[in-house]
Amino acid sequence: MAKSPTNLRDAVEKTVEATLGSAERSRSAAQGALDDLVESVEDLRKGAEERISRGRRSVTDVIEGRRPATSDDIKEIRAELRAIARRLDKIEERLPAKRKKRAS
């Protein structure tokens, strides 16, 4: 009978060790699966953010192309036209005088 408790204890210890080993392998596999899931979710999030950003840029481009001119826009255009007019005046001053056409 003295061997029975020892044998029983050995059997229980082996069972516990096997269970712990199995639990560790299961935990490791679960951690790997969780890591893969987190990586996939992160990839999906990044892709969604990129698509949202592209969409925003597209909408902004469309809106910018169709928005009415502001008073600042008109002021800038007027300033540019004045500068062009000044340059044109200087060019015209350097041109030779036009000859009058003769009646034939």
C-alpha atoms as a PDB file:
ATOM      1  CA  MET A   1       0.000   0.000   0.000  1.00  0.00           C
ATOM      2  CA  ALA A   2       2.894   2.346   0.565  1.00  0.00           C
ATOM      3  CA  LYS A   3       3.506   2.425  -3.151  1.00  0.00           C
ATOM      4  CA  SER A   4      -0.114   3.294  -3.972  1.00  0.00           C
ATOM      5  CA  PRO A   5       0.003   6.837  -2.542  1.00  0.00           C
ATOM      6  CA  THR A   6       3.352   7.394  -4.229  1.00  0.00           C
ATOM      7  CA  ASN A   7       2.074   6.032  -7.518  1.00  0.00           C
ATOM      8  CA  LEU A   8      -1.086   8.112  -7.181  1.00  0.00           C
ATOM      9  CA  ARG A   9       0.936  11.228  -6.370  1.00  0.00           C
ATOM     10  CA  ASP A  10       3.208  10.582  -9.392  1.00  0.00           C
ATOM     11  CA  ALA A  11       0.200  10.092 -11.624  1.00  0.00           C
ATOM     12  CA  VAL A  12      -1.417  13.302 -10.373  1.00  0.00           C
ATOM     13  CA  GLU A  13       1.829  15.235 -10.820  1.00  0.00           C
ATOM     14  CA  LYS A  14       2.235  13.910 -14.386  1.00  0.00           C
ATOM     15  CA  THR A  15      -1.366  14.812 -15.131  1.00  0.00           C
ATOM     16  CA  VAL A  16      -0.909  18.323 -13.710  1.00  0.00           C
ATOM     17  CA  GLU A  17       2.343  18.786 -15.636  1.00  0.00           C
ATOM     18  CA  ALA A  18       0.733  17.564 -18.853  1.00  0.00           C
ATOM     19  CA  THR A  19      -2.250  19.840 -18.261  1.00  0.00           C
ATOM     20  CA  LEU A  20       0.025  22.802 -17.550  1.00  0.00           C
ATOM     21  CA  GLY A  21       2.048  22.085 -20.683  1.00  0.00           C
ATOM     22  CA  SER A  22      -1.115  21.803 -22.736  1.00  0.00           C
ATOM     23  CA  ALA A  23      -2.476  24.997 -21.180  1.00  0.00           C
ATOM     24  CA  GLU A  24       0.781  26.816 -21.993  1.00  0.00           C
ATOM     25  CA  ARG A  25       0.632  25.635 -25.612  1.00  0.00           C
ATOM     26  CA  SER A  26      -3.016  26.678 -25.804  1.00  0.00           C
ATOM     27  CA  ARG A  27      -2.174  30.047 -24.252  1.00  0.00           C
ATOM     28  CA  SER A  28       0.676  30.516 -26.714  1.00  0.00           C
ATOM     29  CA  ALA A  29      -1.552  29.610 -29.660  1.00  0.00           C
ATOM     30  CA  ALA A  30      -4.292  31.932 -28.399  1.00  0.00           C
ATOM     31  CA  GLN A  31      -1.759  34.756 -27.977  1.00  0.00           C
ATOM     32  CA  GLY A  32      -0.524  34.196 -31.532  1.00  0.00           C
ATOM     33  CA  ALA A  33      -4.074  34.268 -32.868  1.00  0.00           C
ATOM     34  CA  LEU A  34      -4.791  37.422 -30.889  1.00  0.00           C
ATOM     35  CA  ASP A  35      -1.618  39.064 -32.204  1.00  0.00           C
ATOM     36  CA  ASP A  36      -2.673  38.199 -35.769  1.00  0.00           C
ATOM     37  CA  LEU A  37      -6.142  39.618 -35.130  1.00  0.00           C
ATOM     38  CA  VAL A  38      -4.717  42.860 -33.713  1.00  0.00           C
ATOM     39  CA  GLU A  39      -2.410  43.201 -36.730  1.00  0.00           C
ATOM     40  CA  SER A  40      -5.323  42.647 -39.135  1.00  0.00           C
ATOM     41  CA  VAL A  41      -7.479  45.205 -37.344  1.00  0.00           C
ATOM     42  CA  GLU A  42      -4.607  47.708 -37.419  1.00  0.00           C
ATOM     43  CA  ASP A  43      -4.156  47.155 -41.173  1.00  0.00           C
ATOM     44  CA  LEU A  44      -7.894  47.674 -41.705  1.00  0.00           C
ATOM     45  CA  ARG A  45      -7.824  50.860 -39.609  1.00  0.00           C
ATOM     46  CA  LYS A  46      -4.874  52.279 -41.546  1.00  0.00           C
ATOM     47  CA  GLY A  47      -6.538  51.464 -44.865  1.00  0.00           C
ATOM     48  CA  ALA A  48      -9.778  53.094 -43.748  1.00  0.00           C
ATOM     49  CA  GLU A  49      -7.926  56.223 -42.611  1.00  0.00           C
ATOM     50  CA  GLU A  50      -6.147  56.464 -45.974  1.00  0.00           C
ATOM     51  CA  ARG A  51      -9.434  56.094 -47.892  1.00  0.00           C
ATOM     52  CA  ILE A  52     -11.102  58.711 -45.686  1.00  0.00           C
ATOM     53  CA  SER A  53      -8.192  61.098 -46.235  1.00  0.00           C
ATOM     54  CA  ARG A  54      -8.327  60.607 -50.023  1.00  0.00           C
ATOM     55  CA  GLY A  55     -12.083  61.146 -49.937  1.00  0.00           C
ATOM     56  CA  ARG A  56     -11.682  64.375 -47.991  1.00  0.00           C
ATOM     57  CA  ARG A  57      -9.099  65.651 -50.454  1.00  0.00           C
ATOM     58  CA  SER A  58     -11.382  64.801 -53.376  1.00  0.00           C
ATOM     59  CA  VAL A  59     -14.333  66.580 -51.801  1.00  0.00           C
ATOM     60  CA  THR A  60     -12.167  69.590 -50.957  1.00  0.00           C
ATOM     61  CA  ASP A  61     -10.875  69.749 -54.542  1.00  0.00           C
ATOM     62  CA  VAL A  62     -14.410  69.639 -55.925  1.00  0.00           C
ATOM     63  CA  ILE A  63     -15.639  72.292 -53.505  1.00  0.00           C
ATOM     64  CA  GLU A  64     -12.636  74.558 -54.142  1.00  0.00           C
ATOM     65  CA  GLY A  65     -13.245  74.341 -57.886  1.00  0.00           C
ATOM     66  CA  ARG A  66     -16.896  75.349 -57.561  1.00  0.00           C
ATOM     67  CA  ARG A  67     -16.939  77.853 -54.759  1.00  0.00           C
ATOM     68  CA  PRO A  68     -17.728  81.464 -55.649  1.00  0.00           C
ATOM     69  CA  ALA A  69     -14.951  84.029 -55.647  1.00  0.00           C
ATOM     70  CA  THR A  70     -14.469  85.837 -52.354  1.00  0.00           C
ATOM     71  CA  SER A  71     -13.720  89.535 -52.071  1.00  0.00           C
ATOM     72  CA  ASP A  72     -10.094  88.612 -51.342  1.00  0.00           C
ATOM     73  CA  ASP A  73      -9.988  86.562 -54.556  1.00  0.00           C
ATOM     74  CA  ILE A  74     -11.326  89.544 -56.519  1.00  0.00           C
ATOM     75  CA  LYS A  75      -8.804  91.901 -54.879  1.00  0.00           C
ATOM     76  CA  GLU A  76      -5.969  89.573 -55.905  1.00  0.00           C
ATOM     77  CA  ILE A  77      -7.259  89.376 -59.488  1.00  0.00           C
ATOM     78  CA  ARG A  78      -7.575  93.171 -59.679  1.00  0.00           C
ATOM     79  CA  ALA A  79      -4.020  93.583 -58.393  1.00  0.00           C
ATOM     80  CA  GLU A  80      -2.745  91.115 -60.986  1.00  0.00           C
ATOM     81  CA  LEU A  81      -4.669  92.920 -63.763  1.00  0.00           C
ATOM     82  CA  ARG A  82      -3.191  96.265 -62.696  1.00  0.00           C
ATOM     83  CA  ALA A  83       0.308  94.775 -62.780  1.00  0.00           C
ATOM     84  CA  ILE A  84      -0.345  93.300 -66.234  1.00  0.00           C
ATOM     85  CA  ALA A  85      -1.711  96.662 -67.457  1.00  0.00           C
ATOM     86  CA  ARG A  86       1.419  98.460 -66.219  1.00  0.00           C
ATOM     87  CA  ARG A  87       3.664  95.971 -67.992  1.00  0.00           C
ATOM     88  CA  LEU A  88       1.616  96.266 -71.182  1.00  0.00           C
ATOM     89  CA  ASP A  89       1.811 100.074 -71.042  1.00  0.00           C
ATOM     90  CA  LYS A  90       5.609  99.899 -70.777  1.00  0.00           C
ATOM     91  CA  ILE A  91       5.787  97.483 -73.717  1.00  0.00           C
ATOM     92  CA  GLU A  92       3.535  99.702 -75.817  1.00  0.00           C
ATOM     93  CA  GLU A  93       5.680 102.753 -75.012  1.00  0.00           C
ATOM     94  CA  ARG A  94       8.715 101.000 -76.487  1.00  0.00           C
ATOM     95  CA  LEU A  95       6.928 100.069 -79.725  1.00  0.00           C
ATOM     96  CA  PRO A  96       7.487 102.300 -82.754  1.00  0.00           C
ATOM     97  CA  ALA A  97       4.612 104.599 -83.678  1.00  0.00           C
ATOM     98  CA  LYS A  98       2.164 103.095 -86.164  1.00  0.00           C
ATOM     99  CA  ARG A  99       2.170 104.447 -89.692  1.00  0.00           C
ATOM    100  CA  LYS A 100      -1.044 105.753 -91.137  1.00  0.00           C
ATOM    101  CA  LYS A 101      -2.384 103.713 -94.026  1.00  0.00           C
ATOM    102  CA  ARG A 102      -2.582 105.414 -97.400  1.00  0.00           C
ATOM    103  CA  ALA A 103      -5.820 105.437 -99.314  1.00  0.00           C
ATOM    104  CA  SER A 104      -5.389 103.551-102.552  1.00  0.00           C
END
